[in-house]
Amino acid sequence: MLPAHEHGHVGVGELCGETMKKWSVIIPTLWKPDSLPDLLQELEGNESVDEILIIDNAPNFKPNITLGRKVNRLEQPSNIYVNPAWNLGAETARNEYLCICNDDVLFDSSEIFNFLNSNYMDGIIGIHPDSFDSETSNNGLPSLSKEIYITQMWACLFFMRKSQYRPIPAELKVWWGDAWLAWHARPSFSLLTTVRTKHSESVSSPEFQSILDEDTRLWNESLKPLPIRMRESKTYWIKRIKNGLKRRINHFMS
């Protein structure tokens, strides 16, 4: 969890404002998930979705999918990976409001966009991890939480303003782009709703392990914002002090 905000749920009144009518949906893809046609059909039929930007990272693959009138397919000469694809989509989008999602998610677009369109959104909203569990997902109206969970599929589906999008550094290819955006586009929230996904199907192959290692090294060594480093360092030393005191107490009592 990225410790950017206090815990707690957000009431509708805290975000009320202008109605959001037009969304640009950004989907990087390698065309692997069987569920992608269902996702595109769901988005095509939603009146809040003005355009669907498909960042095609598999130039040598011709998908057997009929693309709707809202789709703008941006074919790349090679796989530019997820974070650069997000940057390209945000730059290309013609609307202020962005929905960025994995190609392997399915969700009720009417439920989510109706909720967001009736609430003013400032900052960035990802997905609460309870949304993936049928027993804990919200089967009623979506709700917002001030907790965010960067390493728990928070950014498999997220929403923000184009004007608040700060491009992810080019060095980060696949991972930690969500942490970058969560910090620079804060305040950050999590949406409790219902989302089905196979959890990063397109990046689950072993070839991505070296990219994960390099992205994590870059994030930890040079790109992680200083306030996050300071908080993590404080937490680390508090934990060490507590463990040290516990060992001394156990020593004297033994």
C-alpha atoms as a PDB file:
ATOM      1  CA  MET A   1       0.000   0.000   0.000  1.00  0.00           C
ATOM      2  CA  LEU A   2       1.363   3.429  -0.916  1.00  0.00           C
ATOM      3  CA  PRO A   3       1.105   5.524   2.279  1.00  0.00           C
ATOM      4  CA  ALA A   4      -0.113   8.709   0.645  1.00  0.00           C
ATOM      5  CA  HIS A   5      -3.356   9.285   2.517  1.00  0.00           C
ATOM      6  CA  GLU A   6      -5.184   8.561   5.708  1.00  0.00           C
ATOM      7  CA  HIS A   7      -7.445   5.538   5.889  1.00  0.00           C
ATOM      8  CA  GLY A   8     -11.199   5.776   5.615  1.00  0.00           C
ATOM      9  CA  HIS A   9     -14.089   5.783   3.214  1.00  0.00           C
ATOM     10  CA  VAL A  10     -15.074   8.773   1.121  1.00  0.00           C
ATOM     11  CA  GLY A  11     -18.619   9.995   1.052  1.00  0.00           C
ATOM     12  CA  VAL A  12     -20.263  11.050  -2.195  1.00  0.00           C
ATOM     13  CA  GLY A  13     -20.565  14.609  -0.951  1.00  0.00           C
ATOM     14  CA  GLU A  14     -16.791  14.957  -0.696  1.00  0.00           C
ATOM     15  CA  LEU A  15     -16.382  14.591  -4.457  1.00  0.00           C
ATOM     16  CA  CYS A  16     -19.565  16.183  -5.781  1.00  0.00           C
ATOM     17  CA  GLY A  17     -19.130  18.591  -8.642  1.00  0.00           C
ATOM     18  CA  GLU A  18     -19.592  18.907 -12.373  1.00  0.00           C
ATOM     19  CA  THR A  19     -20.964  16.044 -14.454  1.00  0.00           C
ATOM     20  CA  MET A  20     -18.390  14.135 -16.466  1.00  0.00           C
ATOM     21  CA  LYS A  21     -19.830  13.106 -19.806  1.00  0.00           C
ATOM     22  CA  LYS A  22     -17.017  12.012 -22.107  1.00  0.00           C
ATOM     23  CA  TRP A  23     -14.290   9.494 -21.362  1.00  0.00           C
ATOM     24  CA  SER A  24     -11.298   8.280 -23.330  1.00  0.00           C
ATOM     25  CA  VAL A  25     -10.523   4.638 -22.552  1.00  0.00           C
ATOM     26  CA  ILE A  26      -6.902   3.541 -23.012  1.00  0.00           C
ATOM     27  CA  ILE A  27      -6.109  -0.172 -23.443  1.00  0.00           C
ATOM     28  CA  PRO A  28      -2.575  -1.415 -24.170  1.00  0.00           C
ATOM     29  CA  THR A  29      -2.743  -4.932 -25.590  1.00  0.00           C
ATOM     30  CA  LEU A  30      -0.866  -7.906 -27.006  1.00  0.00           C
ATOM     31  CA  TRP A  31      -4.238  -9.409 -28.047  1.00  0.00           C
ATOM     32  CA  LYS A  32      -3.850 -12.412 -25.711  1.00  0.00           C
ATOM     33  CA  PRO A  33      -6.993 -12.415 -23.492  1.00  0.00           C
ATOM     34  CA  ASP A  34     -10.038 -14.230 -24.869  1.00  0.00           C
ATOM     35  CA  SER A  35     -12.178 -11.759 -22.927  1.00  0.00           C
ATOM     36  CA  LEU A  36     -10.946  -8.684 -24.847  1.00  0.00           C
ATOM     37  CA  PRO A  37     -13.812  -8.709 -27.415  1.00  0.00           C
ATOM     38  CA  ASP A  38     -16.316  -8.706 -24.520  1.00  0.00           C
ATOM     39  CA  LEU A  39     -14.540  -5.747 -22.915  1.00  0.00           C
ATOM     40  CA  LEU A  40     -14.573  -3.779 -26.173  1.00  0.00           C
ATOM     41  CA  GLN A  41     -18.251  -4.559 -26.745  1.00  0.00           C
ATOM     42  CA  GLU A  42     -19.088  -3.420 -23.211  1.00  0.00           C
ATOM     43  CA  LEU A  43     -17.254  -0.120 -23.699  1.00  0.00           C
ATOM     44  CA  GLU A  44     -18.591   0.437 -27.220  1.00  0.00           C
ATOM     45  CA  GLY A  45     -22.127   0.335 -25.920  1.00  0.00           C
ATOM     46  CA  ASN A  46     -21.599   2.823 -23.095  1.00  0.00           C
ATOM     47  CA  GLU A  47     -22.627   6.379 -23.947  1.00  0.00           C
ATOM     48  CA  SER A  48     -20.100   7.855 -21.509  1.00  0.00           C
ATOM     49  CA  VAL A  49     -17.260   6.335 -23.523  1.00  0.00           C
ATOM     50  CA  ASP A  50     -16.366   8.716 -26.342  1.00  0.00           C
ATOM     51  CA  GLU A  51     -13.327   6.874 -27.689  1.00  0.00           C
ATOM     52  CA  ILE A  52     -11.373   3.673 -27.120  1.00  0.00           C
ATOM     53  CA  LEU A  53      -7.652   3.992 -27.724  1.00  0.00           C
ATOM     54  CA  ILE A  54      -6.074   0.588 -28.322  1.00  0.00           C
ATOM     55  CA  ILE A  55      -2.286   0.710 -28.038  1.00  0.00           C
ATOM     56  CA  ASP A  56      -1.351  -2.238 -30.253  1.00  0.00           C
ATOM     57  CA  ASN A  57       1.907  -3.666 -28.904  1.00  0.00           C
ATOM     58  CA  ALA A  58       1.844  -6.745 -31.155  1.00  0.00           C
ATOM     59  CA  PRO A  59       2.509  -5.407 -34.676  1.00  0.00           C
ATOM     60  CA  ASN A  60       2.951  -8.842 -36.251  1.00  0.00           C
ATOM     61  CA  PHE A  61      -0.351 -10.188 -34.954  1.00  0.00           C
ATOM     62  CA  LYS A  62      -3.634  -9.552 -36.731  1.00  0.00           C
ATOM     63  CA  PRO A  63      -6.501 -10.066 -34.300  1.00  0.00           C
ATOM     64  CA  ASN A  64      -9.693 -11.687 -35.481  1.00  0.00           C
ATOM     65  CA  ILE A  65     -11.793  -9.008 -33.817  1.00  0.00           C
ATOM     66  CA  THR A  66     -14.259  -6.592 -35.342  1.00  0.00           C
ATOM     67  CA  LEU A  67     -13.435  -3.168 -33.947  1.00  0.00           C
ATOM     68  CA  GLY A  68     -16.262  -0.727 -33.301  1.00  0.00           C
ATOM     69  CA  ARG A  69     -16.632   2.846 -34.469  1.00  0.00           C
ATOM     70  CA  LYS A  70     -15.252   4.277 -31.194  1.00  0.00           C
ATOM     71  CA  VAL A  71     -11.953   2.409 -31.517  1.00  0.00           C
ATOM     72  CA  ASN A  72      -8.766   4.178 -32.548  1.00  0.00           C
ATOM     73  CA  ARG A  73      -6.081   1.516 -32.980  1.00  0.00           C
ATOM     74  CA  LEU A  74      -2.577   2.889 -32.497  1.00  0.00           C
ATOM     75  CA  GLU A  75      -0.266   0.281 -33.999  1.00  0.00           C
ATOM     76  CA  GLN A  76       3.305   0.312 -32.711  1.00  0.00           C
ATOM     77  CA  PRO A  77       6.343  -0.911 -34.691  1.00  0.00           C
ATOM     78  CA  SER A  78       7.315  -3.035 -31.673  1.00  0.00           C
ATOM     79  CA  ASN A  79       6.187  -3.691 -28.116  1.00  0.00           C
ATOM     80  CA  ILE A  80       6.631  -0.369 -26.284  1.00  0.00           C
ATOM     81  CA  TYR A  81       5.345  -1.951 -23.035  1.00  0.00           C
ATOM     82  CA  VAL A  82       2.663  -0.828 -20.631  1.00  0.00           C
ATOM     83  CA  ASN A  83       3.943   2.415 -19.109  1.00  0.00           C
ATOM     84  CA  PRO A  84       4.972   4.038 -22.422  1.00  0.00           C
ATOM     85  CA  ALA A  85       1.621   2.871 -23.834  1.00  0.00           C
ATOM     86  CA  TRP A  86      -0.198   4.650 -21.004  1.00  0.00           C
ATOM     87  CA  ASN A  87       1.812   7.789 -21.780  1.00  0.00           C
ATOM     88  CA  LEU A  88       0.946   7.568 -25.477  1.00  0.00           C
ATOM     89  CA  GLY A  89      -2.731   7.015 -24.754  1.00  0.00           C
ATOM     90  CA  ALA A  90      -2.916   9.952 -22.343  1.00  0.00           C
ATOM     91  CA  GLU A  91      -1.162  12.201 -24.850  1.00  0.00           C
ATOM     92  CA  THR A  92      -3.450  11.118 -27.701  1.00  0.00           C
ATOM     93  CA  ALA A  93      -6.743  11.214 -25.795  1.00  0.00           C
ATOM     94  CA  ARG A  94      -9.144  13.937 -26.889  1.00  0.00           C
ATOM     95  CA  ASN A  95     -11.062  14.044 -23.606  1.00  0.00           C
ATOM     96  CA  GLU A  96     -10.178  15.387 -20.173  1.00  0.00           C
ATOM     97  CA  TYR A  97     -11.324  12.234 -18.399  1.00  0.00           C
ATOM     98  CA  LEU A  98      -9.280   9.071 -18.795  1.00  0.00           C
ATOM     99  CA  CYS A  99     -10.043   5.454 -18.055  1.00  0.00           C
ATOM    100  CA  ILE A 100      -6.942   3.266 -18.350  1.00  0.00           C
ATOM    101  CA  CYS A 101      -7.473  -0.457 -18.137  1.00  0.00           C
ATOM    102  CA  ASN A 102      -5.811  -3.799 -18.699  1.00  0.00           C
ATOM    103  CA  ASP A 103      -6.939  -5.838 -21.672  1.00  0.00           C
ATOM    104  CA  ASP A 104      -8.001  -8.748 -19.439  1.00  0.00           C
ATOM    105  CA  VAL A 105     -10.557  -7.023 -17.185  1.00  0.00           C
ATOM    106  CA  LEU A 106     -14.345  -7.141 -17.320  1.00  0.00           C
ATOM    107  CA  PHE A 107     -16.629  -4.810 -15.390  1.00  0.00           C
ATOM    108  CA  ASP A 108     -20.060  -3.236 -15.464  1.00  0.00           C
ATOM    109  CA  SER A 109     -19.241  -0.009 -17.301  1.00  0.00           C
ATOM    110  CA  SER A 110     -22.686   1.486 -16.690  1.00  0.00           C
ATOM    111  CA  GLU A 111     -22.403   1.002 -12.945  1.00  0.00           C
ATOM    112  CA  ILE A 112     -18.918   2.492 -12.707  1.00  0.00           C
ATOM    113  CA  PHE A 113     -19.287   5.385 -15.165  1.00  0.00           C
ATOM    114  CA  ASN A 114     -22.688   6.344 -13.788  1.00  0.00           C
ATOM    115  CA  PHE A 115     -21.115   6.527 -10.336  1.00  0.00           C
ATOM    116  CA  LEU A 116     -18.159   8.594 -11.539  1.00  0.00           C
ATOM    117  CA  ASN A 117     -20.282  10.836 -13.747  1.00  0.00           C
ATOM    118  CA  SER A 118     -22.396  11.854 -10.760  1.00  0.00           C
ATOM    119  CA  ASN A 119     -19.315  12.717  -8.691  1.00  0.00           C
ATOM    120  CA  TYR A 120     -16.601  15.224  -9.386  1.00  0.00           C
ATOM    121  CA  MET A 121     -13.284  13.407  -9.622  1.00  0.00           C
ATOM    122  CA  ASP A 122     -10.089  15.123  -8.607  1.00  0.00           C
ATOM    123  CA  GLY A 123      -7.005  12.953  -8.484  1.00  0.00           C
ATOM    124  CA  ILE A 124      -6.755   9.292  -9.401  1.00  0.00           C
ATOM    125  CA  ILE A 125      -8.981   6.307  -8.602  1.00  0.00           C
ATOM    126  CA  GLY A 126      -7.806   2.699  -8.862  1.00  0.00           C
ATOM    127  CA  ILE A 127      -9.473  -0.564  -7.863  1.00  0.00           C
ATOM    128  CA  HIS A 128      -9.784  -1.854  -4.291  1.00  0.00           C
ATOM    129  CA  PRO A 129      -8.455  -5.442  -4.024  1.00  0.00           C
ATOM    130  CA  ASP A 130     -11.735  -6.625  -2.464  1.00  0.00           C
ATOM    131  CA  SER A 131     -13.330  -5.902  -5.849  1.00  0.00           C
ATOM    132  CA  PHE A 132     -11.820  -9.118  -7.243  1.00  0.00           C
ATOM    133  CA  ASP A 133     -13.425 -11.377  -4.621  1.00  0.00           C
ATOM    134  CA  SER A 134     -17.063 -12.316  -5.160  1.00  0.00           C
ATOM    135  CA  GLU A 135     -17.555 -12.475  -1.397  1.00  0.00           C
ATOM    136  CA  THR A 136     -16.133  -9.020  -0.648  1.00  0.00           C
ATOM    137  CA  SER A 137     -16.818  -7.088  -3.861  1.00  0.00           C
ATOM    138  CA  ASN A 138     -19.473  -4.430  -3.773  1.00  0.00           C
ATOM    139  CA  ASN A 139     -22.567  -5.800  -5.467  1.00  0.00           C
ATOM    140  CA  GLY A 140     -24.466  -2.599  -4.855  1.00  0.00           C
ATOM    141  CA  LEU A 141     -23.380   0.939  -5.609  1.00  0.00           C
ATOM    142  CA  PRO A 142     -19.627   1.478  -5.928  1.00  0.00           C
ATOM    143  CA  SER A 143     -17.896   3.216  -3.041  1.00  0.00           C
ATOM    144  CA  LEU A 144     -14.562   4.953  -2.555  1.00  0.00           C
ATOM    145  CA  SER A 145     -11.817   4.397  -0.015  1.00  0.00           C
ATOM    146  CA  LYS A 146      -8.758   6.510   0.804  1.00  0.00           C
ATOM    147  CA  GLU A 147      -6.628   3.375   1.014  1.00  0.00           C
ATOM    148  CA  ILE A 148      -4.614   2.450  -2.071  1.00  0.00           C
ATOM    149  CA  TYR A 149      -2.901  -0.833  -2.882  1.00  0.00           C
ATOM    150  CA  ILE A 150      -0.194  -0.377  -5.501  1.00  0.00           C
ATOM    151  CA  THR A 151       1.003  -3.996  -5.535  1.00  0.00           C
ATOM    152  CA  GLN A 152      -2.477  -5.548  -5.523  1.00  0.00           C
ATOM    153  CA  MET A 153      -3.779  -4.840  -9.042  1.00  0.00           C
ATOM    154  CA  TRP A 154      -4.852  -1.328  -8.072  1.00  0.00           C
ATOM    155  CA  ALA A 155      -4.090  -0.070 -11.593  1.00  0.00           C
ATOM    156  CA  CYS A 156      -5.703  -2.861 -13.606  1.00  0.00           C
ATOM    157  CA  LEU A 157      -8.442  -0.261 -14.067  1.00  0.00           C
ATOM    158  CA  PHE A 158      -8.075   3.375 -13.052  1.00  0.00           C
ATOM    159  CA  PHE A 159      -9.546   6.793 -13.717  1.00  0.00           C
ATOM    160  CA  MET A 160      -8.071  10.291 -13.737  1.00  0.00           C
ATOM    161  CA  ARG A 161      -7.935  13.656 -15.500  1.00  0.00           C
ATOM    162  CA  LYS A 162      -5.716  14.143 -18.517  1.00  0.00           C
ATOM    163  CA  SER A 163      -4.591  17.497 -17.086  1.00  0.00           C
ATOM    164  CA  GLN A 164      -3.301  15.691 -13.981  1.00  0.00           C
ATOM    165  CA  TYR A 165      -1.427  13.007 -15.908  1.00  0.00           C
ATOM    166  CA  ARG A 166       2.320  13.378 -15.413  1.00  0.00           C
ATOM    167  CA  PRO A 167       4.126  11.178 -17.954  1.00  0.00           C
ATOM    168  CA  ILE A 168       5.824   8.141 -16.460  1.00  0.00           C
ATOM    169  CA  PRO A 169       9.623   8.216 -16.900  1.00  0.00           C
ATOM    170  CA  ALA A 170      10.615   6.365 -20.042  1.00  0.00           C
ATOM    171  CA  GLU A 171      12.951   4.067 -18.111  1.00  0.00           C
ATOM    172  CA  LEU A 172      10.018   2.348 -16.404  1.00  0.00           C
ATOM    173  CA  LYS A 173       8.595  -0.131 -18.895  1.00  0.00           C
ATOM    174  CA  VAL A 174       5.963  -2.238 -17.127  1.00  0.00           C
ATOM    175  CA  TRP A 175       5.937  -1.791 -13.348  1.00  0.00           C
ATOM    176  CA  TRP A 176       5.706   1.122 -10.881  1.00  0.00           C
ATOM    177  CA  GLY A 177       4.031   3.470 -13.349  1.00  0.00           C
ATOM    178  CA  ASP A 178       0.933   3.250 -11.180  1.00  0.00           C
ATOM    179  CA  ALA A 179       2.910   4.284  -8.089  1.00  0.00           C
ATOM    180  CA  TRP A 180       4.326   7.222 -10.059  1.00  0.00           C
ATOM    181  CA  LEU A 181       0.854   8.374 -11.124  1.00  0.00           C
ATOM    182  CA  ALA A 182      -0.683   7.743  -7.685  1.00  0.00           C
ATOM    183  CA  TRP A 183       1.840  10.130  -6.174  1.00  0.00           C
ATOM    184  CA  HIS A 184       1.895  12.845  -8.836  1.00  0.00           C
ATOM    185  CA  ALA A 185      -1.873  12.879  -9.477  1.00  0.00           C
ATOM    186  CA  ARG A 186      -2.906  12.658  -5.813  1.00  0.00           C
ATOM    187  CA  PRO A 187      -5.259  12.592  -3.989  1.00  0.00           C
ATOM    188  CA  SER A 188      -5.503   8.865  -4.660  1.00  0.00           C
ATOM    189  CA  PHE A 189      -8.456   6.586  -3.951  1.00  0.00           C
ATOM    190  CA  SER A 190      -9.633   3.016  -4.426  1.00  0.00           C
ATOM    191  CA  LEU A 191     -12.987   2.052  -5.902  1.00  0.00           C
ATOM    192  CA  LEU A 192     -14.826  -0.854  -4.328  1.00  0.00           C
ATOM    193  CA  THR A 193     -16.902  -2.435  -7.081  1.00  0.00           C
ATOM    194  CA  THR A 194     -16.888  -5.753  -8.971  1.00  0.00           C
ATOM    195  CA  VAL A 195     -14.087  -6.520 -11.435  1.00  0.00           C
ATOM    196  CA  ARG A 196     -13.207  -9.794 -13.122  1.00  0.00           C
ATOM    197  CA  THR A 197      -9.640 -10.300 -14.300  1.00  0.00           C
ATOM    198  CA  LYS A 198      -7.003 -12.974 -14.833  1.00  0.00           C
ATOM    199  CA  HIS A 199      -4.463 -10.654 -13.183  1.00  0.00           C
ATOM    200  CA  SER A 200      -1.941  -9.370 -15.725  1.00  0.00           C
ATOM    201  CA  GLU A 201      -2.374 -12.170 -18.244  1.00  0.00           C
ATOM    202  CA  SER A 202      -0.280 -10.364 -20.845  1.00  0.00           C
ATOM    203  CA  VAL A 203       2.739  -9.877 -18.549  1.00  0.00           C
ATOM    204  CA  SER A 204       2.716 -13.207 -16.718  1.00  0.00           C
ATOM    205  CA  SER A 205       5.314 -14.876 -18.941  1.00  0.00           C
ATOM    206  CA  PRO A 206       8.918 -15.395 -17.685  1.00  0.00           C
ATOM    207  CA  GLU A 207      10.302 -12.929 -20.238  1.00  0.00           C
ATOM    208  CA  PHE A 208       8.973 -10.068 -18.122  1.00  0.00           C
ATOM    209  CA  GLN A 209      10.902 -11.051 -14.979  1.00  0.00           C
ATOM    210  CA  SER A 210      14.059  -9.183 -16.043  1.00  0.00           C
ATOM    211  CA  ILE A 211      11.954  -6.092 -16.796  1.00  0.00           C
ATOM    212  CA  LEU A 212      10.350  -6.339 -13.358  1.00  0.00           C
ATOM    213  CA  ASP A 213      13.772  -6.517 -11.729  1.00  0.00           C
ATOM    214  CA  GLU A 214      15.089  -3.508 -13.644  1.00  0.00           C
ATOM    215  CA  ASP A 215      11.926  -1.431 -13.135  1.00  0.00           C
ATOM    216  CA  THR A 216      12.043  -2.161  -9.401  1.00  0.00           C
ATOM    217  CA  ARG A 217      15.733  -1.221  -9.203  1.00  0.00           C
ATOM    218  CA  LEU A 218      15.104   2.082 -10.992  1.00  0.00           C
ATOM    219  CA  TRP A 219      12.074   2.864  -8.836  1.00  0.00           C
ATOM    220  CA  ASN A 220      13.835   2.153  -5.563  1.00  0.00           C
ATOM    221  CA  GLU A 221      17.152   3.770  -6.453  1.00  0.00           C
ATOM    222  CA  SER A 222      16.208   6.912  -8.352  1.00  0.00           C
ATOM    223  CA  LEU A 223      12.543   7.453  -9.209  1.00  0.00           C
ATOM    224  CA  LYS A 224      10.664   6.923  -5.946  1.00  0.00           C
ATOM    225  CA  PRO A 225       9.573  10.355  -4.592  1.00  0.00           C
ATOM    226  CA  LEU A 226      11.528  11.541  -1.542  1.00  0.00           C
ATOM    227  CA  PRO A 227       8.483  11.809   0.787  1.00  0.00           C
ATOM    228  CA  ILE A 228       7.717   8.122   0.178  1.00  0.00           C
ATOM    229  CA  ARG A 229      11.352   7.220   0.873  1.00  0.00           C
ATOM    230  CA  MET A 230      11.246   9.181   4.126  1.00  0.00           C
ATOM    231  CA  ARG A 231       8.035   7.500   5.261  1.00  0.00           C
ATOM    232  CA  GLU A 232       9.350   4.058   4.408  1.00  0.00           C
ATOM    233  CA  SER A 233      12.606   4.810   6.220  1.00  0.00           C
ATOM    234  CA  LYS A 234      10.703   6.017   9.292  1.00  0.00           C
ATOM    235  CA  THR A 235       8.554   2.887   9.277  1.00  0.00           C
ATOM    236  CA  TYR A 236      11.651   0.712   8.879  1.00  0.00           C
ATOM    237  CA  TRP A 237      13.478   2.250  11.839  1.00  0.00           C
ATOM    238  CA  ILE A 238      10.398   2.222  14.076  1.00  0.00           C
ATOM    239  CA  LYS A 239      10.010  -1.483  13.321  1.00  0.00           C
ATOM    240  CA  ARG A 240      13.691  -2.150  14.072  1.00  0.00           C
ATOM    241  CA  ILE A 241      13.511  -0.253  17.369  1.00  0.00           C
ATOM    242  CA  LYS A 242      10.364  -2.124  18.423  1.00  0.00           C
ATOM    243  CA  ASN A 243      11.915  -5.482  17.546  1.00  0.00           C
ATOM    244  CA  GLY A 244      15.101  -4.545  19.415  1.00  0.00           C
ATOM    245  CA  LEU A 245      13.171  -3.562  22.527  1.00  0.00           C
ATOM    246  CA  LYS A 246      11.141  -6.766  22.332  1.00  0.00           C
ATOM    247  CA  ARG A 247      14.329  -8.859  22.164  1.00  0.00           C
ATOM    248  CA  ARG A 248      15.821  -7.036  25.178  1.00  0.00           C
ATOM    249  CA  ILE A 249      12.661  -7.521  27.217  1.00  0.00           C
ATOM    250  CA  ASN A 250      12.555 -11.204  26.345  1.00  0.00           C
ATOM    251  CA  HIS A 251      16.253 -11.500  27.259  1.00  0.00           C
ATOM    252  CA  PHE A 252      15.801  -9.953  30.711  1.00  0.00           C
ATOM    253  CA  MET A 253      12.687 -12.006  31.424  1.00  0.00           C
ATOM    254  CA  SER A 254      14.263 -15.322  30.408  1.00  0.00           C
END
